[in-house]
Structure formats: structure tokens, C-alpha cells
């Protein structure tokens, strides 16, 4: 599972408003909701791991993420902090 991408519950609901809520990694490698494990922690999924029905519910959040990612990639290069001004 990757950092910096939205995560979803099995039904397609995003983890937080943008899918970027707090989560933790279990010893088996799966991701669960919440910064630490509790009784209420639930397993998380990436968009492509969801069922077609769940993807339909998750699509608006995922599309917003992709648009933001594309805009960032197509935008101007950030200025280097180490560059000396002449």
C-alpha cells in the first residue's frame, strides 16, 4: 500500500473527506483506519481493489485526487530552497 494516495473502506467510503485520513499498517502489511489499532479499526483498500459498486461511490474522491496530482505534475517547478540569488 502506498503513501500519498487515497484509501477507502470496503464499501467505497473515503477515509476522511479526501481519503487521506489517519491509518496504520498491520504486521501482515494491510492498512487499517486510525493512527493506532483499536477495536473500531477497519481494513482499508486502494481504489483498484474495490468492487465496481464501491468504485462508483469512491470515484468522485479518486477523480479529485487524480486531477490534483496532474495539476501538480503539469505546474511550474518549485523553487529550490538552496539556490543562491544572484
Protein backbone atom coordinates (compact mmCIF):
# COMPACT_ATOMS: atom_id res chain seq x y z
CA UNK A 1 0.00 0.00 0.00
CA UNK A 2 1.31 3.39 -0.93
CA UNK A 3 1.60 6.62 0.99
CA UNK A 4 0.15 9.75 -0.56
CA UNK A 5 -2.81 8.06 -2.25
CA UNK A 6 -6.41 7.95 -1.03
CA UNK A 7 -7.62 4.97 0.97
CA UNK A 8 -11.17 3.65 1.13
CA UNK A 9 -13.31 1.34 3.22
CA UNK A 10 -14.71 -1.80 1.55
CA UNK A 11 -17.98 -0.03 0.69
CA UNK A 12 -16.16 2.80 -1.16
CA UNK A 13 -16.40 5.43 1.56
CA UNK A 14 -13.23 7.53 1.71
CA UNK A 15 -11.06 7.62 4.82
CA UNK A 16 -11.69 11.27 5.70
CA UNK A 17 -13.06 13.78 3.20
CA UNK A 18 -10.18 13.25 0.76
CA UNK A 19 -9.20 9.65 1.53
CA UNK A 20 -6.08 10.81 3.36
CA UNK A 21 -7.14 10.21 6.96
CA UNK A 22 -5.02 8.57 9.66
CA UNK A 23 -4.14 4.90 9.18
CA UNK A 24 -1.67 2.31 10.42
CA UNK A 25 -0.01 -0.75 8.91
CA UNK A 26 -0.64 -4.17 10.42
CA UNK A 27 2.11 -6.83 10.71
CA UNK A 28 0.62 -8.66 7.70
CA UNK A 29 1.05 -5.49 5.58
CA UNK A 30 -2.62 -4.50 5.39
CA UNK A 31 -3.72 -0.98 6.26
CA UNK A 32 -6.36 -0.19 8.86
CA UNK A 33 -8.08 3.04 9.83
CA UNK A 34 -6.80 5.09 12.77
CA UNK A 35 -3.30 6.06 13.80
CA UNK A 36 -3.15 3.06 16.17
CA UNK A 37 -5.10 -0.19 16.26
CA UNK A 38 -8.33 -0.27 18.24
CA UNK A 39 -11.49 -2.39 18.25
CA UNK A 40 -13.06 0.04 15.80
CA UNK A 41 -10.18 -0.09 13.25
CA UNK A 42 -11.33 -1.23 9.80
CA UNK A 43 -9.38 -2.57 6.83
CA UNK A 44 -8.59 -0.07 4.06
CA UNK A 45 -8.31 -0.53 0.31
CA UNK A 46 -6.95 1.28 -2.73
CA UNK A 47 -9.39 2.35 -5.44
CA UNK A 48 -8.43 -0.50 -7.80
CA UNK A 49 -9.03 -3.10 -5.06
CA UNK A 50 -12.67 -2.07 -4.61
CA UNK A 51 -15.68 -3.76 -6.19
CA UNK A 52 -17.31 -1.98 -9.15
CA UNK A 53 -20.14 -0.80 -6.89
CA UNK A 54 -17.71 0.57 -4.31
CA UNK A 55 -15.61 2.21 -7.07
CA UNK A 56 -18.73 4.07 -8.18
CA UNK A 57 -19.09 5.52 -4.68
CA UNK A 58 -15.36 6.31 -4.40
CA UNK A 59 -14.96 7.79 -7.90
CA UNK A 60 -15.56 11.49 -7.02
CA UNK A 61 -12.83 11.42 -4.35
CA UNK A 62 -10.44 9.48 -6.58
CA UNK A 63 -11.04 11.74 -9.59
CA UNK A 64 -10.36 14.80 -7.43
CA UNK A 65 -7.08 13.21 -6.28
CA UNK A 66 -6.03 12.45 -9.87
CA UNK A 67 -6.86 15.99 -11.02
CA UNK A 68 -4.82 17.46 -8.17
CA UNK A 69 -1.92 15.11 -8.94
CA UNK A 70 -1.99 16.01 -12.65
CA UNK A 71 -2.16 19.73 -11.88
CA UNK A 72 0.84 19.41 -9.56
CA UNK A 73 2.79 17.49 -12.24
CA UNK A 74 1.90 19.96 -15.01
CA UNK A 75 2.54 23.03 -12.86
CA UNK A 76 5.69 25.08 -12.53
CA UNK A 77 8.73 23.55 -10.90
CA UNK A 78 9.04 24.57 -7.27
CA UNK A 79 11.90 26.92 -6.50
CA UNK A 80 14.92 25.32 -4.88
CA UNK A 81 15.49 26.45 -1.31
CA UNK A 82 19.23 26.01 -1.65
CA UNK A 83 19.62 28.14 -4.75
CA UNK A 84 21.61 31.33 -4.27
CA UNK A 85 20.15 34.50 -5.70
CA UNK A 86 22.46 36.43 -7.99
